[in-house]
Amino acid sequence: MKIYRTIFLSMVTAVSIISMFSACSSVKPYQKNRINDADMILSARKSQKFEQSFQLYREGASGANGGKSGGGCGCN
């Protein structure tokens, strides 16, 4: 049993090390222009707008987030 366990652990270690080294690659200069694309931004735009709409609704008196201005009391 100990032999199988040792072999299994060594195989898992070898596969993980090989997969780590194969994941490394250099980026060519013509591929670097895609790094600044909107798709590469970590937070999705849709979720940000969704959360901002809730913030604007809850913080109605502030009006400093653009779009909707005026207070929650009905005064503009």
PDB file of N, CA and C in Angstrom:
ATOM      1  N   MET A   1       0.806  -1.192   0.000  1.00  0.00           N
ATOM      2  CA  MET A   1       0.000   0.000   0.000  1.00  0.00           C
ATOM      3  C   MET A   1       0.857   1.267   0.000  1.00  0.00           C
ATOM      4  N   LYS A   2       1.942   1.275   0.778  1.00  0.00           N
ATOM      5  CA  LYS A   2       2.783   2.462   0.837  1.00  0.00           C
ATOM      6  C   LYS A   2       3.445   2.734  -0.510  1.00  0.00           C
ATOM      7  N   ILE A   3       3.781   1.687  -1.237  1.00  0.00           N
ATOM      8  CA  ILE A   3       4.422   1.864  -2.547  1.00  0.00           C
ATOM      9  C   ILE A   3       3.463   2.539  -3.514  1.00  0.00           C
ATOM     10  N   TYR A   4       2.203   2.113  -3.525  1.00  0.00           N
ATOM     11  CA  TYR A   4       1.214   2.712  -4.424  1.00  0.00           C
ATOM     12  C   TYR A   4       0.965   4.178  -4.064  1.00  0.00           C
ATOM     13  N   ARG A   5       0.942   4.435  -2.780  1.00  0.00           N
ATOM     14  CA  ARG A   5       0.732   5.810  -2.329  1.00  0.00           C
ATOM     15  C   ARG A   5       1.908   6.695  -2.738  1.00  0.00           C
ATOM     16  N   THR A   6       3.121   6.207  -2.584  1.00  0.00           N
ATOM     17  CA  THR A   6       4.314   6.954  -2.967  1.00  0.00           C
ATOM     18  C   THR A   6       4.341   7.194  -4.469  1.00  0.00           C
ATOM     19  N   ILE A   7       4.019   6.167  -5.239  1.00  0.00           N
ATOM     20  CA  ILE A   7       3.992   6.307  -6.698  1.00  0.00           C
ATOM     21  C   ILE A   7       2.921   7.319  -7.111  1.00  0.00           C
ATOM     22  N   PHE A   8       1.756   7.227  -6.486  1.00  0.00           N
ATOM     23  CA  PHE A   8       0.666   8.148  -6.811  1.00  0.00           C
ATOM     24  C   PHE A   8       1.053   9.593  -6.508  1.00  0.00           C
ATOM     25  N   LEU A   9       1.633   9.826  -5.336  1.00  0.00           N
ATOM     26  CA  LEU A   9       2.032  11.185  -4.965  1.00  0.00           C
ATOM     27  C   LEU A   9       3.127  11.726  -5.879  1.00  0.00           C
ATOM     28  N   SER A  10       4.070  10.877  -6.259  1.00  0.00           N
ATOM     29  CA  SER A  10       5.124  11.333  -7.164  1.00  0.00           C
ATOM     30  C   SER A  10       4.574  11.631  -8.552  1.00  0.00           C
ATOM     31  N   MET A  11       3.600  10.849  -9.009  1.00  0.00           N
ATOM     32  CA  MET A  11       2.980  11.100 -10.318  1.00  0.00           C
ATOM     33  C   MET A  11       2.191  12.414 -10.290  1.00  0.00           C
ATOM     34  N   VAL A  12       1.447  12.637  -9.220  1.00  0.00           N
ATOM     35  CA  VAL A  12       0.680  13.878  -9.098  1.00  0.00           C
ATOM     36  C   VAL A  12       1.624  15.075  -9.052  1.00  0.00           C
ATOM     37  N   THR A  13       2.706  14.967  -8.332  1.00  0.00           N
ATOM     38  CA  THR A  13       3.685  16.046  -8.251  1.00  0.00           C
ATOM     39  C   THR A  13       4.313  16.317  -9.611  1.00  0.00           C
ATOM     40  N   ALA A  14       4.685  15.257 -10.317  1.00  0.00           N
ATOM     41  CA  ALA A  14       5.295  15.419 -11.639  1.00  0.00           C
ATOM     42  C   ALA A  14       4.330  16.067 -12.624  1.00  0.00           C
ATOM     43  N   VAL A  15       3.088  15.631 -12.615  1.00  0.00           N
ATOM     44  CA  VAL A  15       2.098  16.209 -13.533  1.00  0.00           C
ATOM     45  C   VAL A  15       1.843  17.674 -13.204  1.00  0.00           C
ATOM     46  N   SER A  16       1.781  18.013 -11.925  1.00  0.00           N
ATOM     47  CA  SER A  16       1.537  19.413 -11.559  1.00  0.00           C
ATOM     48  C   SER A  16       2.717  20.302 -11.941  1.00  0.00           C
ATOM     49  N   ILE A  17       3.932  19.823 -11.781  1.00  0.00           N
ATOM     50  CA  ILE A  17       5.110  20.608 -12.162  1.00  0.00           C
ATOM     51  C   ILE A  17       5.156  20.796 -13.673  1.00  0.00           C
ATOM     52  N   ILE A  18       4.874  19.741 -14.416  1.00  0.00           N
ATOM     53  CA  ILE A  18       4.871  19.840 -15.880  1.00  0.00           C
ATOM     54  C   ILE A  18       3.793  20.804 -16.352  1.00  0.00           C
ATOM     55  N   SER A  19       2.630  20.754 -15.735  1.00  0.00           N
ATOM     56  CA  SER A  19       1.554  21.661 -16.151  1.00  0.00           C
ATOM     57  C   SER A  19       1.875  23.111 -15.808  1.00  0.00           C
ATOM     58  N   MET A  20       2.601  23.354 -14.720  1.00  0.00           N
ATOM     59  CA  MET A  20       2.985  24.725 -14.381  1.00  0.00           C
ATOM     60  C   MET A  20       3.955  25.289 -15.408  1.00  0.00           C
ATOM     61  N   PHE A  21       4.916  24.500 -15.845  1.00  0.00           N
ATOM     62  CA  PHE A  21       5.889  24.988 -16.811  1.00  0.00           C
ATOM     63  C   PHE A  21       5.299  25.129 -18.202  1.00  0.00           C
ATOM     64  N   SER A  22       4.326  24.315 -18.539  1.00  0.00           N
ATOM     65  CA  SER A  22       3.724  24.431 -19.866  1.00  0.00           C
ATOM     66  C   SER A  22       2.776  25.617 -19.947  1.00  0.00           C
ATOM     67  N   ALA A  23       2.341  26.144 -18.811  1.00  0.00           N
ATOM     68  CA  ALA A  23       1.430  27.286 -18.805  1.00  0.00           C
ATOM     69  C   ALA A  23       2.166  28.601 -19.040  1.00  0.00           C
ATOM     70  N   CYS A  24       3.468  28.623 -18.872  1.00  0.00           N
ATOM     71  CA  CYS A  24       4.242  29.841 -19.071  1.00  0.00           C
ATOM     72  C   CYS A  24       4.520  30.040 -20.555  1.00  0.00           C
ATOM     73  N   SER A  25       4.227  31.221 -21.035  1.00  0.00           N
ATOM     74  CA  SER A  25       4.535  31.549 -22.426  1.00  0.00           C
ATOM     75  C   SER A  25       4.805  33.040 -22.511  1.00  0.00           C
ATOM     76  N   SER A  26       5.609  33.417 -23.479  1.00  0.00           N
ATOM     77  CA  SER A  26       5.908  34.833 -23.643  1.00  0.00           C
ATOM     78  C   SER A  26       4.893  35.452 -24.598  1.00  0.00           C
ATOM     79  N   VAL A  27       4.574  36.700 -24.331  1.00  0.00           N
ATOM     80  CA  VAL A  27       3.590  37.417 -25.136  1.00  0.00           C
ATOM     81  C   VAL A  27       4.328  38.202 -26.206  1.00  0.00           C
ATOM     82  N   LYS A  28       3.889  38.049 -27.434  1.00  0.00           N
ATOM     83  CA  LYS A  28       4.507  38.761 -28.549  1.00  0.00           C
ATOM     84  C   LYS A  28       4.007  40.210 -28.556  1.00  0.00           C
ATOM     85  N   PRO A  29       4.807  41.132 -29.108  1.00  0.00           N
ATOM     86  CA  PRO A  29       4.415  42.549 -29.078  1.00  0.00           C
ATOM     87  C   PRO A  29       3.065  42.831 -29.733  1.00  0.00           C
ATOM     88  N   TYR A  30       2.729  42.132 -30.801  1.00  0.00           N
ATOM     89  CA  TYR A  30       1.450  42.401 -31.460  1.00  0.00           C
ATOM     90  C   TYR A  30       0.271  41.829 -30.688  1.00  0.00           C
ATOM     91  N   GLN A  31       0.525  40.993 -29.682  1.00  0.00           N
ATOM     92  CA  GLN A  31      -0.550  40.458 -28.855  1.00  0.00           C
ATOM     93  C   GLN A  31      -0.821  41.335 -27.633  1.00  0.00           C
ATOM     94  N   LYS A  32       0.066  42.260 -27.345  1.00  0.00           N
ATOM     95  CA  LYS A  32      -0.071  43.083 -26.146  1.00  0.00           C
ATOM     96  C   LYS A  32      -1.160  44.136 -26.269  1.00  0.00           C
ATOM     97  N   ASN A  33      -1.601  44.446 -27.477  1.00  0.00           N
ATOM     98  CA  ASN A  33      -2.631  45.471 -27.622  1.00  0.00           C
ATOM     99  C   ASN A  33      -3.976  44.994 -27.106  1.00  0.00           C
ATOM    100  N   ARG A  34      -4.165  43.712 -26.940  1.00  0.00           N
ATOM    101  CA  ARG A  34      -5.433  43.186 -26.442  1.00  0.00           C
ATOM    102  C   ARG A  34      -5.533  43.232 -24.917  1.00  0.00           C
ATOM    103  N   ILE A  35      -4.461  43.549 -24.249  1.00  0.00           N
ATOM    104  CA  ILE A  35      -4.473  43.566 -22.790  1.00  0.00           C
ATOM    105  C   ILE A  35      -5.377  44.688 -22.274  1.00  0.00           C
ATOM    106  N   ASN A  36      -5.454  45.795 -22.989  1.00  0.00           N
ATOM    107  CA  ASN A  36      -6.248  46.938 -22.543  1.00  0.00           C
ATOM    108  C   ASN A  36      -7.676  46.919 -23.056  1.00  0.00           C
ATOM    109  N   ASP A  37      -8.124  45.830 -23.659  1.00  0.00           N
ATOM    110  CA  ASP A  37      -9.495  45.746 -24.156  1.00  0.00           C
ATOM    111  C   ASP A  37     -10.486  45.744 -23.002  1.00  0.00           C
ATOM    112  N   ALA A  38     -11.704  46.127 -23.302  1.00  0.00           N
ATOM    113  CA  ALA A  38     -12.750  46.156 -22.273  1.00  0.00           C
ATOM    114  C   ALA A  38     -13.065  44.757 -21.755  1.00  0.00           C
ATOM    115  N   ASP A  39     -12.849  43.747 -22.589  1.00  0.00           N
ATOM    116  CA  ASP A  39     -13.117  42.377 -22.153  1.00  0.00           C
ATOM    117  C   ASP A  39     -12.133  41.901 -21.099  1.00  0.00           C
ATOM    118  N   MET A  40     -10.982  42.534 -21.015  1.00  0.00           N
ATOM    119  CA  MET A  40      -9.955  42.113 -20.071  1.00  0.00           C
ATOM    120  C   MET A  40     -10.117  42.748 -18.694  1.00  0.00           C
ATOM    121  N   ILE A  41     -11.064  43.648 -18.528  1.00  0.00           N
ATOM    122  CA  ILE A  41     -11.292  44.288 -17.236  1.00  0.00           C
ATOM    123  C   ILE A  41     -11.885  43.255 -16.286  1.00  0.00           C
ATOM    124  N   LEU A  42     -11.399  43.219 -15.056  1.00  0.00           N
ATOM    125  CA  LEU A  42     -11.812  42.180 -14.119  1.00  0.00           C
ATOM    126  C   LEU A  42     -13.277  42.277 -13.731  1.00  0.00           C
ATOM    127  N   SER A  43     -13.775  43.450 -13.475  1.00  0.00           N
ATOM    128  CA  SER A  43     -15.176  43.572 -13.084  1.00  0.00           C
ATOM    129  C   SER A  43     -16.019  43.785 -14.332  1.00  0.00           C
ATOM    130  N   ALA A  44     -17.065  43.027 -14.444  1.00  0.00           N
ATOM    131  CA  ALA A  44     -17.923  43.115 -15.618  1.00  0.00           C
ATOM    132  C   ALA A  44     -18.740  44.402 -15.576  1.00  0.00           C
ATOM    133  N   ARG A  45     -18.934  45.000 -16.721  1.00  0.00           N
ATOM    134  CA  ARG A  45     -19.679  46.259 -16.794  1.00  0.00           C
ATOM    135  C   ARG A  45     -21.131  46.075 -16.369  1.00  0.00           C
ATOM    136  N   LYS A  46     -21.751  44.970 -16.767  1.00  0.00           N
ATOM    137  CA  LYS A  46     -23.160  44.757 -16.455  1.00  0.00           C
ATOM    138  C   LYS A  46     -23.384  44.682 -14.947  1.00  0.00           C
ATOM    139  N   SER A  47     -22.508  43.988 -14.255  1.00  0.00           N
ATOM    140  CA  SER A  47     -22.683  43.883 -12.807  1.00  0.00           C
ATOM    141  C   SER A  47     -22.421  45.224 -12.126  1.00  0.00           C
ATOM    142  N   GLN A  48     -21.484  46.001 -12.652  1.00  0.00           N
ATOM    143  CA  GLN A  48     -21.229  47.322 -12.074  1.00  0.00           C
ATOM    144  C   GLN A  48     -22.440  48.229 -12.236  1.00  0.00           C
ATOM    145  N   LYS A  49     -23.057  48.219 -13.422  1.00  0.00           N
ATOM    146  CA  LYS A  49     -24.237  49.059 -13.645  1.00  0.00           C
ATOM    147  C   LYS A  49     -25.388  48.620 -12.759  1.00  0.00           C
ATOM    148  N   PHE A  50     -25.528  47.306 -12.579  1.00  0.00           N
ATOM    149  CA  PHE A  50     -26.589  46.771 -11.734  1.00  0.00           C
ATOM    150  C   PHE A  50     -26.408  47.240 -10.296  1.00  0.00           C
ATOM    151  N   GLU A  51     -25.187  47.127  -9.776  1.00  0.00           N
ATOM    152  CA  GLU A  51     -24.913  47.562  -8.408  1.00  0.00           C
ATOM    153  C   GLU A  51     -25.039  49.078  -8.272  1.00  0.00           C
ATOM    154  N   GLN A  52     -24.644  49.818  -9.308  1.00  0.00           N
ATOM    155  CA  GLN A  52     -24.732  51.271  -9.242  1.00  0.00           C
ATOM    156  C   GLN A  52     -26.188  51.725  -9.237  1.00  0.00           C
ATOM    157  N   SER A  53     -27.051  51.004  -9.969  1.00  0.00           N
ATOM    158  CA  SER A  53     -28.462  51.391  -9.961  1.00  0.00           C
ATOM    159  C   SER A  53     -29.067  51.203  -8.574  1.00  0.00           C
ATOM    160  N   PHE A  54     -28.675  50.132  -7.884  1.00  0.00           N
ATOM    161  CA  PHE A  54     -29.153  49.945  -6.518  1.00  0.00           C
ATOM    162  C   PHE A  54     -28.596  51.011  -5.590  1.00  0.00           C
ATOM    163  N   GLN A  55     -27.336  51.377  -5.795  1.00  0.00           N
ATOM    164  CA  GLN A  55     -26.745  52.414  -4.953  1.00  0.00           C
ATOM    165  C   GLN A  55     -27.455  53.744  -5.186  1.00  0.00           C
ATOM    166  N   LEU A  56     -27.758  54.054  -6.441  1.00  0.00           N
ATOM    167  CA  LEU A  56     -28.456  55.304  -6.730  1.00  0.00           C
ATOM    168  C   LEU A  56     -29.850  55.307  -6.129  1.00  0.00           C
ATOM    169  N   TYR A  57     -30.488  54.165  -6.135  1.00  0.00           N
ATOM    170  CA  TYR A  57     -31.830  54.071  -5.568  1.00  0.00           C
ATOM    171  C   TYR A  57     -31.791  54.249  -4.056  1.00  0.00           C
ATOM    172  N   ARG A  58     -30.832  53.578  -3.413  1.00  0.00           N
ATOM    173  CA  ARG A  58     -30.750  53.637  -1.955  1.00  0.00           C
ATOM    174  C   ARG A  58     -30.207  54.975  -1.477  1.00  0.00           C
ATOM    175  N   GLU A  59     -29.262  55.530  -2.208  1.00  0.00           N
ATOM    176  CA  GLU A  59     -28.632  56.791  -1.816  1.00  0.00           C
ATOM    177  C   GLU A  59     -29.223  57.931  -2.644  1.00  0.00           C
ATOM    178  N   GLY A  60     -30.524  57.991  -2.749  1.00  0.00           N
ATOM    179  CA  GLY A  60     -31.193  58.947  -3.631  1.00  0.00           C
ATOM    180  C   GLY A  60     -30.897  60.395  -3.315  1.00  0.00           C
ATOM    181  N   ALA A  61     -30.582  60.717  -2.097  1.00  0.00           N
ATOM    182  CA  ALA A  61     -30.353  62.112  -1.731  1.00  0.00           C
ATOM    183  C   ALA A  61     -28.988  62.607  -2.171  1.00  0.00           C
ATOM    184  N   SER A  62     -28.059  61.709  -2.483  1.00  0.00           N
ATOM    185  CA  SER A  62     -26.714  62.162  -2.814  1.00  0.00           C
ATOM    186  C   SER A  62     -26.656  62.767  -4.207  1.00  0.00           C
ATOM    187  N   GLY A  63     -27.095  62.057  -5.233  1.00  0.00           N
ATOM    188  CA  GLY A  63     -27.124  62.573  -6.587  1.00  0.00           C
ATOM    189  C   GLY A  63     -25.780  62.893  -7.191  1.00  0.00           C
ATOM    190  N   ALA A  64     -24.689  62.384  -6.653  1.00  0.00           N
ATOM    191  CA  ALA A  64     -23.364  62.727  -7.157  1.00  0.00           C
ATOM    192  C   ALA A  64     -22.801  61.681  -8.107  1.00  0.00           C
ATOM    193  N   ASN A  65     -23.570  60.699  -8.472  1.00  0.00           N
ATOM    194  CA  ASN A  65     -23.063  59.639  -9.333  1.00  0.00           C
ATOM    195  C   ASN A  65     -23.401  59.854 -10.799  1.00  0.00           C
ATOM    196  N   GLY A  66     -23.796  61.015 -11.189  1.00  0.00           N
ATOM    197  CA  GLY A  66     -24.147  61.290 -12.575  1.00  0.00           C
ATOM    198  C   GLY A  66     -25.483  60.664 -12.919  1.00  0.00           C
ATOM    199  N   GLY A  67     -25.969  60.920 -14.110  1.00  0.00           N
ATOM    200  CA  GLY A  67     -27.234  60.331 -14.517  1.00  0.00           C
ATOM    201  C   GLY A  67     -28.395  60.968 -13.790  1.00  0.00           C
ATOM    202  N   LYS A  68     -28.735  60.466 -12.665  1.00  0.00           N
ATOM    203  CA  LYS A  68     -29.848  61.003 -11.880  1.00  0.00           C
ATOM    204  C   LYS A  68     -29.311  62.078 -10.945  1.00  0.00           C
ATOM    205  N   SER A  69     -29.910  63.224 -10.994  1.00  0.00           N
ATOM    206  CA  SER A  69     -29.500  64.268 -10.057  1.00  0.00           C
ATOM    207  C   SER A  69     -30.730  64.736  -9.298  1.00  0.00           C
ATOM    208  N   GLY A  70     -30.498  65.337  -8.213  1.00  0.00           N
ATOM    209  CA  GLY A  70     -31.601  65.757  -7.363  1.00  0.00           C
ATOM    210  C   GLY A  70     -31.707  64.836  -6.177  1.00  0.00           C
ATOM    211  N   GLY A  71     -32.436  65.237  -5.215  1.00  0.00           N
ATOM    212  CA  GLY A  71     -32.534  64.464  -3.991  1.00  0.00           C
ATOM    213  C   GLY A  71     -33.653  63.454  -4.032  1.00  0.00           C
ATOM    214  N   GLY A  72     -33.687  62.591  -3.058  1.00  0.00           N
ATOM    215  CA  GLY A  72     -34.740  61.604  -2.949  1.00  0.00           C
ATOM    216  C   GLY A  72     -36.029  62.198  -2.423  1.00  0.00           C
ATOM    217  N   CYS A  73     -35.982  63.448  -2.016  1.00  0.00           N
ATOM    218  CA  CYS A  73     -37.168  64.091  -1.458  1.00  0.00           C
ATOM    219  C   CYS A  73     -38.052  64.705  -2.535  1.00  0.00           C
ATOM    220  N   GLY A  74     -37.601  64.701  -3.791  1.00  0.00           N
ATOM    221  CA  GLY A  74     -38.381  65.266  -4.879  1.00  0.00           C
ATOM    222  C   GLY A  74     -37.944  66.664  -5.265  1.00  0.00           C
ATOM    223  N   CYS A  75     -36.976  67.236  -4.591  1.00  0.00           N
ATOM    224  CA  CYS A  75     -36.490  68.567  -4.944  1.00  0.00           C
ATOM    225  C   CYS A  75     -35.332  68.436  -5.935  1.00  0.00           C
ATOM    226  N   ASN A  76     -35.320  69.251  -6.963  1.00  0.00           N
ATOM    227  CA  ASN A  76     -34.263  69.170  -7.981  1.00  0.00           C
ATOM    228  C   ASN A  76     -33.302  70.300  -7.837  1.00  0.00           C
TER     229      ASN A  76
END
